[in-house]
Amino acid sequence: MKHYLQPSLLLEPSGIILHAGTNDLRDSFPRAVAKKLVDLRNLVSSSSPSTKVTIYDESLGKKK
């Protein structure tokens, strides 16, 4: 996933929405998926400190 994100970070955007990890939940433990998201957030913070990161949670938009 990092290789998709890095070109955007060169532009120093004001914000990034990460919609990632949902497919990984089929084959990985939730803790491992969460760690990958935190690693992506840390990549953004170190590469473009002024960029705000939002992690999209698809489950919040679903009706029960």
PDB file of N, CA and C in Angstrom:
ATOM      1  N   MET A   1       0.816  -1.197   0.000  1.00  0.00           N
ATOM      2  CA  MET A   1       0.000   0.000   0.000  1.00  0.00           C
ATOM      3  C   MET A   1       0.863   1.267   0.000  1.00  0.00           C
ATOM      4  N   LYS A   2       2.046   1.180   0.619  1.00  0.00           N
ATOM      5  CA  LYS A   2       2.910   2.363   0.703  1.00  0.00           C
ATOM      6  C   LYS A   2       3.248   2.919  -0.671  1.00  0.00           C
ATOM      7  N   HIS A   3       3.477   2.027  -1.622  1.00  0.00           N
ATOM      8  CA  HIS A   3       3.883   2.492  -2.949  1.00  0.00           C
ATOM      9  C   HIS A   3       2.778   3.285  -3.656  1.00  0.00           C
ATOM     10  N   TYR A   4       1.520   3.092  -3.271  1.00  0.00           N
ATOM     11  CA  TYR A   4       0.433   3.892  -3.824  1.00  0.00           C
ATOM     12  C   TYR A   4       0.362   5.268  -3.154  1.00  0.00           C
ATOM     13  N   LEU A   5       0.733   5.319  -1.910  1.00  0.00           N
ATOM     14  CA  LEU A   5       0.595   6.535  -1.120  1.00  0.00           C
ATOM     15  C   LEU A   5       1.739   7.519  -1.332  1.00  0.00           C
ATOM     16  N   GLN A   6       2.941   7.013  -1.535  1.00  0.00           N
ATOM     17  CA  GLN A   6       4.122   7.869  -1.594  1.00  0.00           C
ATOM     18  C   GLN A   6       4.071   8.954  -2.677  1.00  0.00           C
ATOM     19  N   PRO A   7       3.601   8.675  -3.903  1.00  0.00           N
ATOM     20  CA  PRO A   7       3.534   9.767  -4.895  1.00  0.00           C
ATOM     21  C   PRO A   7       2.622  10.919  -4.459  1.00  0.00           C
ATOM     22  N   SER A   8       1.531  10.599  -3.778  1.00  0.00           N
ATOM     23  CA  SER A   8       0.628  11.657  -3.305  1.00  0.00           C
ATOM     24  C   SER A   8       1.282  12.503  -2.229  1.00  0.00           C
ATOM     25  N   LEU A   9       2.096  11.882  -1.406  1.00  0.00           N
ATOM     26  CA  LEU A   9       2.747  12.618  -0.321  1.00  0.00           C
ATOM     27  C   LEU A   9       3.758  13.627  -0.842  1.00  0.00           C
ATOM     28  N   LEU A  10       4.283  13.411  -2.026  1.00  0.00           N
ATOM     29  CA  LEU A  10       5.208  14.378  -2.628  1.00  0.00           C
ATOM     30  C   LEU A  10       4.520  15.715  -2.885  1.00  0.00           C
ATOM     31  N   LEU A  11       3.197  15.689  -3.022  1.00  0.00           N
ATOM     32  CA  LEU A  11       2.423  16.907  -3.265  1.00  0.00           C
ATOM     33  C   LEU A  11       2.065  17.650  -1.981  1.00  0.00           C
ATOM     34  N   GLU A  12       2.409  17.053  -0.831  1.00  0.00           N
ATOM     35  CA  GLU A  12       2.108  17.625   0.484  1.00  0.00           C
ATOM     36  C   GLU A  12       0.646  18.066   0.604  1.00  0.00           C
ATOM     37  N   PRO A  13      -0.281  17.118   0.482  1.00  0.00           N
ATOM     38  CA  PRO A  13      -1.704  17.462   0.552  1.00  0.00           C
ATOM     39  C   PRO A  13      -2.097  17.923   1.952  1.00  0.00           C
ATOM     40  N   SER A  14      -3.186  18.665   2.042  1.00  0.00           N
ATOM     41  CA  SER A  14      -3.657  19.110   3.357  1.00  0.00           C
ATOM     42  C   SER A  14      -4.310  17.970   4.119  1.00  0.00           C
ATOM     43  N   GLY A  15      -4.824  16.960   3.404  1.00  0.00           N
ATOM     44  CA  GLY A  15      -5.448  15.828   4.071  1.00  0.00           C
ATOM     45  C   GLY A  15      -5.481  14.606   3.181  1.00  0.00           C
ATOM     46  N   ILE A  16      -5.524  13.458   3.825  1.00  0.00           N
ATOM     47  CA  ILE A  16      -5.616  12.175   3.128  1.00  0.00           C
ATOM     48  C   ILE A  16      -6.635  11.321   3.865  1.00  0.00           C
ATOM     49  N   ILE A  17      -7.493  10.649   3.099  1.00  0.00           N
ATOM     50  CA  ILE A  17      -8.426   9.687   3.675  1.00  0.00           C
ATOM     51  C   ILE A  17      -7.919   8.293   3.319  1.00  0.00           C
ATOM     52  N   LEU A  18      -7.649   7.491   4.342  1.00  0.00           N
ATOM     53  CA  LEU A  18      -7.214   6.118   4.120  1.00  0.00           C
ATOM     54  C   LEU A  18      -8.425   5.200   4.219  1.00  0.00           C
ATOM     55  N   HIS A  19      -8.756   4.569   3.120  1.00  0.00           N
ATOM     56  CA  HIS A  19      -9.796   3.530   3.114  1.00  0.00           C
ATOM     57  C   HIS A  19      -9.044   2.260   2.775  1.00  0.00           C
ATOM     58  N   ALA A  20      -8.488   1.663   3.789  1.00  0.00           N
ATOM     59  CA  ALA A  20      -7.599   0.528   3.574  1.00  0.00           C
ATOM     60  C   ALA A  20      -7.837  -0.512   4.647  1.00  0.00           C
ATOM     61  N   GLY A  21      -7.478  -1.739   4.315  1.00  0.00           N
ATOM     62  CA  GLY A  21      -7.519  -2.800   5.307  1.00  0.00           C
ATOM     63  C   GLY A  21      -8.748  -3.674   5.274  1.00  0.00           C
ATOM     64  N   THR A  22      -9.823  -3.239   4.652  1.00  0.00           N
ATOM     65  CA  THR A  22     -11.054  -4.022   4.701  1.00  0.00           C
ATOM     66  C   THR A  22     -10.887  -5.371   4.007  1.00  0.00           C
ATOM     67  N   ASN A  23     -10.184  -5.412   2.899  1.00  0.00           N
ATOM     68  CA  ASN A  23      -9.954  -6.687   2.218  1.00  0.00           C
ATOM     69  C   ASN A  23      -9.017  -7.574   3.014  1.00  0.00           C
ATOM     70  N   ASP A  24      -8.090  -6.976   3.749  1.00  0.00           N
ATOM     71  CA  ASP A  24      -7.131  -7.737   4.544  1.00  0.00           C
ATOM     72  C   ASP A  24      -7.794  -8.503   5.678  1.00  0.00           C
ATOM     73  N   LEU A  25      -8.954  -8.054   6.124  1.00  0.00           N
ATOM     74  CA  LEU A  25      -9.610  -8.696   7.257  1.00  0.00           C
ATOM     75  C   LEU A  25     -10.040 -10.134   6.955  1.00  0.00           C
ATOM     76  N   ARG A  26     -10.159 -10.469   5.685  1.00  0.00           N
ATOM     77  CA  ARG A  26     -10.525 -11.837   5.315  1.00  0.00           C
ATOM     78  C   ARG A  26      -9.412 -12.829   5.663  1.00  0.00           C
ATOM     79  N   ASP A  27      -8.159 -12.378   5.535  1.00  0.00           N
ATOM     80  CA  ASP A  27      -7.025 -13.292   5.663  1.00  0.00           C
ATOM     81  C   ASP A  27      -6.071 -12.950   6.808  1.00  0.00           C
ATOM     82  N   SER A  28      -6.303 -11.868   7.505  1.00  0.00           N
ATOM     83  CA  SER A  28      -5.382 -11.428   8.554  1.00  0.00           C
ATOM     84  C   SER A  28      -6.143 -11.153   9.845  1.00  0.00           C
ATOM     85  N   PHE A  29      -5.418 -11.186  10.927  1.00  0.00           N
ATOM     86  CA  PHE A  29      -6.014 -10.843  12.214  1.00  0.00           C
ATOM     87  C   PHE A  29      -6.242  -9.338  12.288  1.00  0.00           C
ATOM     88  N   PRO A  30      -7.294  -8.889  12.957  1.00  0.00           N
ATOM     89  CA  PRO A  30      -7.579  -7.454  13.065  1.00  0.00           C
ATOM     90  C   PRO A  30      -6.398  -6.640  13.598  1.00  0.00           C
ATOM     91  N   ARG A  31      -5.660  -7.190  14.553  1.00  0.00           N
ATOM     92  CA  ARG A  31      -4.510  -6.461  15.110  1.00  0.00           C
ATOM     93  C   ARG A  31      -3.451  -6.198  14.033  1.00  0.00           C
ATOM     94  N   ALA A  32      -3.230  -7.169  13.147  1.00  0.00           N
ATOM     95  CA  ALA A  32      -2.254  -7.001  12.065  1.00  0.00           C
ATOM     96  C   ALA A  32      -2.718  -5.944  11.072  1.00  0.00           C
ATOM     97  N   VAL A  33      -4.013  -5.933  10.774  1.00  0.00           N
ATOM     98  CA  VAL A  33      -4.570  -4.932   9.862  1.00  0.00           C
ATOM     99  C   VAL A  33      -4.454  -3.539  10.480  1.00  0.00           C
ATOM    100  N   ALA A  34      -4.766  -3.431  11.761  1.00  0.00           N
ATOM    101  CA  ALA A  34      -4.659  -2.143  12.453  1.00  0.00           C
ATOM    102  C   ALA A  34      -3.216  -1.644  12.449  1.00  0.00           C
ATOM    103  N   LYS A  35      -2.264  -2.551  12.641  1.00  0.00           N
ATOM    104  CA  LYS A  35      -0.854  -2.146  12.627  1.00  0.00           C
ATOM    105  C   LYS A  35      -0.456  -1.583  11.268  1.00  0.00           C
ATOM    106  N   LYS A  36      -0.946  -2.205  10.198  1.00  0.00           N
ATOM    107  CA  LYS A  36      -0.646  -1.694   8.855  1.00  0.00           C
ATOM    108  C   LYS A  36      -1.215  -0.283   8.663  1.00  0.00           C
ATOM    109  N   LEU A  37      -2.417  -0.039   9.171  1.00  0.00           N
ATOM    110  CA  LEU A  37      -3.003   1.303   9.072  1.00  0.00           C
ATOM    111  C   LEU A  37      -2.194   2.319   9.877  1.00  0.00           C
ATOM    112  N   VAL A  38      -1.758   1.929  11.062  1.00  0.00           N
ATOM    113  CA  VAL A  38      -0.929   2.821  11.882  1.00  0.00           C
ATOM    114  C   VAL A  38       0.393   3.092  11.175  1.00  0.00           C
ATOM    115  N   ASP A  39       0.967   2.075  10.548  1.00  0.00           N
ATOM    116  CA  ASP A  39       2.212   2.271   9.799  1.00  0.00           C
ATOM    117  C   ASP A  39       2.019   3.257   8.649  1.00  0.00           C
ATOM    118  N   LEU A  40       0.872   3.162   7.949  1.00  0.00           N
ATOM    119  CA  LEU A  40       0.584   4.115   6.869  1.00  0.00           C
ATOM    120  C   LEU A  40       0.433   5.533   7.423  1.00  0.00           C
ATOM    121  N   ARG A  41      -0.273   5.640   8.539  1.00  0.00           N
ATOM    122  CA  ARG A  41      -0.438   6.955   9.170  1.00  0.00           C
ATOM    123  C   ARG A  41       0.919   7.531   9.561  1.00  0.00           C
ATOM    124  N   ASN A  42       1.799   6.694  10.090  1.00  0.00           N
ATOM    125  CA  ASN A  42       3.134   7.145  10.477  1.00  0.00           C
ATOM    126  C   ASN A  42       3.954   7.558   9.262  1.00  0.00           C
ATOM    127  N   LEU A  43       3.774   6.864   8.160  1.00  0.00           N
ATOM    128  CA  LEU A  43       4.449   7.246   6.921  1.00  0.00           C
ATOM    129  C   LEU A  43       4.012   8.645   6.489  1.00  0.00           C
ATOM    130  N   VAL A  44       2.713   8.906   6.554  1.00  0.00           N
ATOM    131  CA  VAL A  44       2.198  10.230   6.188  1.00  0.00           C
ATOM    132  C   VAL A  44       2.776  11.285   7.141  1.00  0.00           C
ATOM    133  N   SER A  45       2.757  11.003   8.421  1.00  0.00           N
ATOM    134  CA  SER A  45       3.241  11.971   9.416  1.00  0.00           C
ATOM    135  C   SER A  45       4.711  12.295   9.234  1.00  0.00           C
ATOM    136  N   SER A  46       5.502  11.295   8.880  1.00  0.00           N
ATOM    137  CA  SER A  46       6.932  11.550   8.714  1.00  0.00           C
ATOM    138  C   SER A  46       7.252  12.184   7.365  1.00  0.00           C
ATOM    139  N   SER A  47       6.496  11.859   6.325  1.00  0.00           N
ATOM    140  CA  SER A  47       6.766  12.382   4.983  1.00  0.00           C
ATOM    141  C   SER A  47       6.153  13.755   4.743  1.00  0.00           C
ATOM    142  N   SER A  48       5.004  13.999   5.353  1.00  0.00           N
ATOM    143  CA  SER A  48       4.281  15.249   5.137  1.00  0.00           C
ATOM    144  C   SER A  48       3.598  15.641   6.450  1.00  0.00           C
ATOM    145  N   PRO A  49       4.361  16.192   7.396  1.00  0.00           N
ATOM    146  CA  PRO A  49       3.856  16.434   8.758  1.00  0.00           C
ATOM    147  C   PRO A  49       2.591  17.279   8.855  1.00  0.00           C
ATOM    148  N   SER A  50       2.353  18.151   7.898  1.00  0.00           N
ATOM    149  CA  SER A  50       1.168  19.007   7.993  1.00  0.00           C
ATOM    150  C   SER A  50      -0.090  18.352   7.419  1.00  0.00           C
ATOM    151  N   THR A  51       0.046  17.162   6.827  1.00  0.00           N
ATOM    152  CA  THR A  51      -1.094  16.465   6.237  1.00  0.00           C
ATOM    153  C   THR A  51      -1.926  15.791   7.326  1.00  0.00           C
ATOM    154  N   LYS A  52      -3.225  16.078   7.351  1.00  0.00           N
ATOM    155  CA  LYS A  52      -4.133  15.441   8.299  1.00  0.00           C
ATOM    156  C   LYS A  52      -4.578  14.095   7.723  1.00  0.00           C
ATOM    157  N   VAL A  53      -4.644  13.091   8.579  1.00  0.00           N
ATOM    158  CA  VAL A  53      -5.003  11.742   8.149  1.00  0.00           C
ATOM    159  C   VAL A  53      -6.350  11.360   8.738  1.00  0.00           C
ATOM    160  N   THR A  54      -7.252  10.894   7.880  1.00  0.00           N
ATOM    161  CA  THR A  54      -8.526  10.345   8.308  1.00  0.00           C
ATOM    162  C   THR A  54      -8.551   8.888   7.883  1.00  0.00           C
ATOM    163  N   ILE A  55      -8.865   8.008   8.821  1.00  0.00           N
ATOM    164  CA  ILE A  55      -9.003   6.593   8.489  1.00  0.00           C
ATOM    165  C   ILE A  55     -10.489   6.297   8.397  1.00  0.00           C
ATOM    166  N   TYR A  56     -10.921   5.927   7.201  1.00  0.00           N
ATOM    167  CA  TYR A  56     -12.332   5.668   6.931  1.00  0.00           C
ATOM    168  C   TYR A  56     -12.715   4.303   7.474  1.00  0.00           C
ATOM    169  N   ASP A  57     -13.798   4.258   8.212  1.00  0.00           N
ATOM    170  CA  ASP A  57     -14.318   3.011   8.758  1.00  0.00           C
ATOM    171  C   ASP A  57     -15.645   2.726   8.094  1.00  0.00           C
ATOM    172  N   GLU A  58     -15.639   1.791   7.175  1.00  0.00           N
ATOM    173  CA  GLU A  58     -16.841   1.471   6.401  1.00  0.00           C
ATOM    174  C   GLU A  58     -17.986   1.000   7.290  1.00  0.00           C
ATOM    175  N   SER A  59     -17.675   0.376   8.397  1.00  0.00           N
ATOM    176  CA  SER A  59     -18.729  -0.160   9.257  1.00  0.00           C
ATOM    177  C   SER A  59     -19.581   0.932   9.892  1.00  0.00           C
ATOM    178  N   LEU A  60     -19.066   2.145   9.988  1.00  0.00           N
ATOM    179  CA  LEU A  60     -19.854   3.224  10.575  1.00  0.00           C
ATOM    180  C   LEU A  60     -21.006   3.661   9.684  1.00  0.00           C
ATOM    181  N   GLY A  61     -20.888   3.416   8.390  1.00  0.00           N
ATOM    182  CA  GLY A  61     -21.923   3.837   7.456  1.00  0.00           C
ATOM    183  C   GLY A  61     -22.979   2.773   7.183  1.00  0.00           C
ATOM    184  N   LYS A  62     -22.812   1.583   7.719  1.00  0.00           N
ATOM    185  CA  LYS A  62     -23.763   0.507   7.434  1.00  0.00           C
ATOM    186  C   LYS A  62     -24.963   0.559   8.371  1.00  0.00           C
ATOM    187  N   LYS A  63     -26.127   0.283   7.816  1.00  0.00           N
ATOM    188  CA  LYS A  63     -27.336   0.201   8.622  1.00  0.00           C
ATOM    189  C   LYS A  63     -27.467  -1.204   9.187  1.00  0.00           C
ATOM    190  N   LYS A  64     -27.966  -1.295  10.387  1.00  0.00           N
ATOM    191  CA  LYS A  64     -28.150  -2.619  11.004  1.00  0.00           C
ATOM    192  C   LYS A  64     -29.608  -2.996  11.013  1.00  0.00           C
TER     193      LYS A  64
END
